[in-house]
Protein backbone atom coordinates (compact mmCIF):
# COMPACT_ATOMS: atom_id res chain seq x y z
CA MET A 1 -1.18 -1.70 -6.35
CA CYS A 2 2.47 -1.71 -8.19
CA GLN A 3 5.31 -0.88 -6.59
CA LEU A 4 7.96 2.44 -6.98
CA LEU A 5 11.09 2.94 -6.98
CA GLY A 6 13.45 5.60 -7.57
CA MET A 7 16.73 7.06 -6.87
CA ASN A 8 18.36 10.60 -7.46
CA CYS A 9 22.21 10.89 -6.69
CA ALA A 10 25.04 13.25 -6.36
CA THR A 11 27.32 11.51 -8.30
CA PRO A 12 26.25 8.48 -11.16
CA THR A 13 25.49 5.41 -8.94
CA ASP A 14 24.40 1.70 -9.71
CA ILE A 15 20.94 0.53 -8.28
CA THR A 16 21.86 -3.36 -8.22
CA PHE A 17 21.46 -3.89 -4.36
CA SER A 18 18.23 -1.66 -4.41
CA PHE A 19 16.82 -3.68 -7.39
CA ARG A 20 18.12 -7.37 -5.97
CA GLY A 21 15.83 -6.61 -3.18
CA PHE A 22 12.44 -5.01 -5.40
CA SER A 23 12.38 -7.63 -7.67
CA GLN A 24 11.46 -10.07 -5.18
CA ARG A 25 8.11 -8.36 -4.48
CA ALA A 26 7.34 -9.57 -8.62
CA GLY A 27 6.60 -13.04 -7.49
CA ILE A 28 8.49 -14.22 -4.33
CA THR A 29 7.73 -12.04 -1.72
CA SER A 30 4.79 -10.45 -3.16
CA ASP A 31 2.25 -11.24 -6.56
CA HIS A 32 3.40 -7.54 -8.38
CA SER A 33 4.44 -9.90 -11.19
CA ASP A 34 2.22 -8.30 -14.63
CA GLY A 35 5.57 -6.67 -16.18
CA PHE A 36 8.38 -4.23 -15.03
CA GLY A 37 10.46 -1.48 -16.24
CA ILE A 38 13.56 0.53 -14.90
CA ALA A 39 15.00 3.97 -16.96
CA PHE A 40 18.13 5.21 -16.52
CA PHE A 41 19.14 9.03 -17.28
CA GLU A 42 22.07 9.92 -18.92
CA ASP A 43 21.68 13.68 -18.88
CA LYS A 44 19.08 14.61 -21.09
CA ALA A 45 18.60 11.08 -22.24
CA CYS A 46 17.77 7.53 -20.74
CA ARG A 47 17.85 3.89 -21.29
CA LEU A 48 14.63 2.26 -20.64
CA PHE A 49 14.54 -1.35 -20.14
CA VAL A 50 10.46 -2.53 -20.06
CA ASP A 51 8.96 -6.17 -19.61
CA ASN A 52 5.75 -7.16 -19.66
CA GLN A 53 7.21 -10.30 -18.18
CA SER A 54 7.68 -9.81 -13.95
CA ALA A 55 10.94 -8.93 -12.85
CA VAL A 56 11.60 -12.49 -11.63
CA GLU A 57 11.23 -14.17 -14.53
CA SER A 58 12.49 -11.78 -16.90
CA PRO A 59 15.79 -12.01 -18.58
CA ILE A 60 15.96 -7.86 -18.90
CA ALA A 61 15.58 -7.86 -14.73
CA ASP A 62 18.59 -10.27 -14.44
CA LEU A 63 20.53 -7.75 -16.92
CA ILE A 64 19.75 -4.88 -14.36
CA ARG A 65 20.35 -7.29 -11.36
CA ASN A 66 23.79 -8.02 -12.09
CA TYR A 67 25.22 -5.13 -14.45
CA PRO A 68 25.78 -2.07 -12.70
CA ILE A 69 24.28 0.65 -14.55
CA LYS A 70 25.20 4.44 -13.09
CA SER A 71 23.18 7.39 -12.87
CA ARG A 72 21.97 10.43 -11.62
CA ASN A 73 18.26 9.72 -11.55
CA VAL A 74 16.89 6.09 -11.68
CA ILE A 75 12.98 5.18 -11.78
CA ALA A 76 11.70 1.63 -11.79
CA HIS A 77 7.89 0.16 -11.77
CA ILE A 78 6.86 -3.84 -11.11
CA ARG A 79 3.37 -3.54 -11.74
CA LYS A 80 -0.24 -5.62 -10.31
CA ALA A 81 -2.57 -4.69 -13.41
CA THR A 82 -5.56 -2.67 -12.48
CA GLN A 83 -6.38 -0.98 -15.34
CA GLY A 84 -5.51 -2.09 -19.05
CA LYS A 85 -3.68 -5.42 -20.10
CA ILE A 86 -0.70 -7.04 -19.50
CA THR A 87 1.06 -5.77 -22.21
CA LEU A 88 4.25 -3.95 -22.78
CA GLU A 89 3.12 -0.69 -23.95
CA ASN A 90 0.98 -0.87 -20.59
CA SER A 91 4.48 -1.53 -18.42
CA HIS A 92 5.64 1.49 -16.80
CA PRO A 93 7.66 3.79 -16.57
CA PHE A 94 6.52 5.69 -19.65
CA ILE A 95 8.67 8.15 -21.85
CA ARG A 96 8.15 11.31 -23.46
CA GLU A 97 10.10 14.33 -24.84
CA LEU A 98 9.65 17.82 -23.69
CA TRP A 99 12.14 20.75 -23.92
CA GLY A 100 14.17 18.57 -25.58
CA ARG A 101 14.65 15.59 -22.85
CA HIS A 102 13.39 12.53 -21.70
CA TRP A 103 11.13 12.30 -19.01
CA ILE A 104 10.02 9.43 -17.44
CA PHE A 105 7.01 8.85 -15.19
CA ALA A 106 5.89 5.95 -12.85
CA HIS A 107 2.43 5.51 -11.02
CA ASN A 108 1.34 3.55 -8.31
CA GLY A 109 -2.85 3.87 -8.08
CA ASP A 110 -6.01 2.96 -9.97
CA LEU A 111 -7.49 6.54 -10.83
CA HIS A 112 -11.68 6.02 -11.44
CA ASP A 113 -13.16 7.78 -14.61
CA PHE A 114 -10.15 9.80 -15.44
CA ASN A 115 -10.67 11.06 -19.23
CA PRO A 116 -9.17 14.38 -19.21
CA PRO A 117 -9.15 16.54 -22.54
CA LEU A 118 -5.80 16.16 -23.97
CA SER A 119 -3.89 18.32 -27.29
CA GLY A 120 -2.42 15.70 -28.94
CA ARG A 121 0.91 17.03 -28.22
CA PHE A 122 0.87 14.03 -25.71
CA THR A 123 -0.63 10.61 -26.45
CA PRO A 124 -1.64 7.39 -24.52
CA VAL A 125 -0.17 4.35 -26.69
CA GLY A 126 -1.38 1.75 -24.19
CA ASN A 127 -4.93 2.01 -22.41
CA THR A 128 -3.48 2.82 -18.63
CA ASP A 129 -5.17 5.41 -16.34
CA SER A 130 -1.35 5.75 -15.77
CA GLU A 131 0.20 6.70 -19.00
CA ARG A 132 -3.01 9.11 -19.77
CA ALA A 133 -2.45 10.81 -15.44
CA PHE A 134 1.37 11.20 -17.72
CA CYS A 135 0.58 13.28 -20.91
CA TYR A 136 -2.25 15.00 -18.82
CA LEU A 137 1.03 16.12 -16.82
CA LEU A 138 2.97 17.60 -19.24
CA ASP A 139 -0.14 19.08 -21.17
CA GLN A 140 -0.39 21.11 -18.22
CA LEU A 141 3.19 21.94 -18.00
CA VAL A 142 3.48 23.13 -21.88
CA GLU A 143 -0.05 25.26 -21.10
CA ALA A 144 1.86 26.71 -18.24
CA PHE A 145 4.93 27.94 -19.83
CA GLY A 146 5.05 27.07 -23.43
CA TYR A 147 8.08 25.35 -25.14
CA GLU A 148 10.66 27.48 -23.13
CA GLU A 149 12.56 25.30 -20.10
CA PRO A 150 11.23 26.81 -16.73
CA SER A 151 13.33 25.93 -13.82
CA LEU A 152 12.72 22.78 -11.34
CA GLU A 153 10.76 25.34 -8.78
CA GLN A 154 8.40 26.70 -11.23
CA ILE A 155 7.56 22.98 -11.82
CA PHE A 156 7.00 21.89 -8.54
CA GLU A 157 4.57 24.23 -7.78
CA VAL A 158 2.69 22.89 -11.42
CA LEU A 159 2.91 19.60 -10.18
CA GLU A 160 1.86 20.57 -6.89
CA LYS A 161 -1.39 22.82 -8.18
CA ILE A 162 -2.18 19.70 -10.31
CA SER A 163 -1.38 16.64 -8.60
CA PRO A 164 -3.94 16.97 -6.30
CA GLN A 165 -6.73 17.57 -8.99
CA ILE A 166 -5.81 14.19 -10.36
CA ALA A 167 -5.83 12.92 -6.94
CA GLU A 168 -9.26 13.66 -6.13
CA TYR A 169 -10.20 10.32 -8.90
CA GLY A 170 -8.05 8.07 -6.64
CA THR A 171 -5.10 6.59 -5.58
CA PHE A 172 -2.08 8.48 -7.32
CA ASN A 173 1.40 8.24 -6.00
CA TYR A 174 4.26 8.67 -8.72
CA CYS A 175 7.61 9.36 -9.41
CA LEU A 176 8.77 12.05 -12.56
CA SER A 177 11.94 12.88 -13.43
CA ASN A 178 13.61 14.80 -16.40
CA GLY A 179 17.20 13.89 -15.67
CA LYS A 180 17.74 17.26 -13.73
CA ALA A 181 15.75 15.98 -11.05
CA LEU A 182 13.06 13.68 -9.87
CA PHE A 183 9.75 14.64 -8.07
CA SER A 184 7.80 12.43 -6.35
CA TYR A 185 3.98 12.44 -4.99
CA ALA A 186 2.08 10.25 -2.86
CA ILE A 187 -1.20 9.66 -1.70
CA THR A 188 -1.03 6.61 0.18
CA LYS A 189 2.39 4.47 0.30
CA LEU A 190 5.76 6.00 -0.13
CA HIS A 191 8.72 6.48 1.84
CA TRP A 192 12.22 7.95 1.61
CA LEU A 193 15.76 7.59 2.81
CA VAL A 194 18.88 9.43 1.91
CA ARG A 195 22.34 7.43 2.84
CA GLU A 196 25.05 9.87 2.61
CA TYR A 197 29.06 10.09 4.64
CA PRO A 198 29.81 8.50 6.75
CA PHE A 199 27.77 5.47 5.54
CA ASN A 200 26.44 2.30 6.96
CA GLN A 201 25.67 -1.38 6.67
CA ALA A 202 22.00 -1.89 4.54
CA HIS A 203 20.21 -5.56 4.68
CA LEU A 204 17.60 -5.94 2.32
CA ILE A 205 13.91 -7.03 3.61
CA ASP A 206 13.17 -9.31 0.45
CA LEU A 207 16.56 -11.12 0.39
CA ASP A 208 19.61 -11.81 2.78
CA VAL A 209 21.92 -9.66 1.53
CA GLU A 210 23.97 -6.93 3.28
CA VAL A 211 26.10 -4.39 1.43
CA ASP A 212 28.49 -2.03 4.04
CA PHE A 213 28.18 1.13 2.07
CA SER A 214 31.19 2.12 3.80
CA GLN A 215 33.79 0.56 1.65
CA VAL A 216 31.83 0.99 -1.52
CA THR A 217 31.36 4.44 -1.80
CA THR A 218 33.20 8.29 -1.20
CA PRO A 219 32.17 11.24 0.73
CA GLU A 220 31.16 13.28 -2.02
CA ASP A 221 28.35 10.53 -2.30
CA ARG A 222 24.61 10.97 -1.66
CA VAL A 223 21.85 8.79 -2.86
CA ALA A 224 18.46 9.23 -2.03
CA VAL A 225 15.75 6.48 -2.38
CA ILE A 226 12.38 6.35 -2.77
CA THR A 227 10.25 3.55 -2.63
CA THR A 228 6.43 2.16 -2.02
CA GLU A 229 7.78 0.05 1.19
CA PRO A 230 11.04 0.21 2.67
CA LEU A 231 13.70 -1.50 1.21
CA THR A 232 15.40 -2.26 4.11
CA HIS A 233 15.26 -3.06 7.74
CA ASN A 234 18.17 -1.40 9.49
CA GLU A 235 17.84 2.00 7.94
CA ASN A 236 15.55 4.53 9.01
CA TRP A 237 12.82 5.39 5.87
CA THR A 238 10.88 8.31 6.46
CA ALA A 239 6.51 7.90 5.03
CA TYR A 240 5.52 10.61 3.00
CA GLN A 241 2.08 12.36 4.92
CA PRO A 242 -0.87 12.46 2.33
CA GLY A 243 -0.28 14.59 -0.35
CA GLU A 244 2.89 15.24 -0.02
CA MET A 245 5.25 16.43 -2.70
CA ILE A 246 9.23 16.03 -2.28
CA LEU A 247 11.85 17.58 -5.01
CA PHE A 248 15.16 15.66 -5.13
CA GLN A 249 18.56 16.81 -6.55
CA HIS A 250 21.97 15.53 -5.63
CA GLY A 251 21.07 13.01 -3.79
CA GLU A 252 18.69 15.16 -0.87
CA PRO A 253 15.36 16.80 -0.74
CA ILE A 254 15.03 20.39 -1.83
CA LYS A 255 11.39 21.24 -2.10
CA LYS A 256 8.38 19.92 0.02
CA ALA A 257 4.75 20.49 -0.14
CA ILE A 258 1.53 19.30 1.62
CA THR A 259 -0.85 19.29 -0.93
CA HIS A 260 -4.40 19.82 0.25
CA VAL A 261 -7.24 16.63 -1.48
CA GLU A 262 -10.74 17.45 -0.70
CA ARG A 263 -11.20 13.53 -1.57
CA LEU A 264 -9.55 13.14 1.76
CA LYS A 265 -10.95 15.63 3.77
CA ARG A 266 -14.09 14.08 2.74
CA GLU A 267 -13.53 10.52 3.68
CA GLN A 268 -11.88 11.29 6.80
CA GLU A 269 -15.20 13.03 7.87
CA ASN A 270 -17.36 10.04 6.61
CA PRO A 271 -15.57 6.85 6.40
CA GLU A 272 -18.30 5.15 4.81
CA ILE A 273 -17.83 7.04 1.51
CA LYS A 274 -13.46 6.48 1.32
CA ARG A 275 -13.58 4.66 -2.18
CA ILE A 276 -10.97 1.63 -2.08
CA THR A 277 -9.87 1.00 -5.16
CA ARG A 278 -8.21 -2.05 -6.63
CA ALA A 279 -4.96 -0.93 -6.21
CA ASP A 280 -5.54 -0.55 -2.39
CA GLN A 281 -6.26 -3.97 -2.03
CA TYR A 282 -3.04 -5.14 -3.19
């Protein structure tokens, strides 16, 4: 399956440490080598970098590993293709405009026969299930609120309703941001932690690199990191529960919910009908 990396911060922060370890999984410590992308928000707009080369080989990824771009909201993705060709238009994260600001979405999973009706306001450029799901989510937000921007809590409530419906079609783990906050949802694998004062040392799992964050931070800093698999072995990562949604703002979780996915209940009662998608096999 693909892997996700998200970061939400109280103050603008760079993601170079986490991305250095994360990008190793694109061909060195794992084989998620079918493209990568990363988006950095600056208020309402974002810098988006995507490449259909792996994050190990891409010169763009080298830039990200070595150039400390600071942001309050970052989403990155390394791809193991399950649907759609290995092309630039199928590389995550995906970007759209809604309510006068950019929205960024990256998905880990595989949705079977997911072909929802779309309004035409948001149209896929590529041919992945992920981009269709993104367009559908935004369509549902417009249907719920029109063209006047709602609060983060109101957006959360709609995502809490729609996400488990999409998860009926297969594995649906994602990170979504509008630059104000970061929404996250997991059916299978997703983990999170918060780094805050007093900061400690962190050592990457995928690379022999350690950082003492107490030497490079201030008491005002606070960083939430969300990732498919833990990035460090000496920090306490919390696994998402199946169907859990978490909203992060200012570097900490501000709202949580456990959604009900009927498919998971059926599979628990009868393991023989459990759907194993290609994403679950990688």
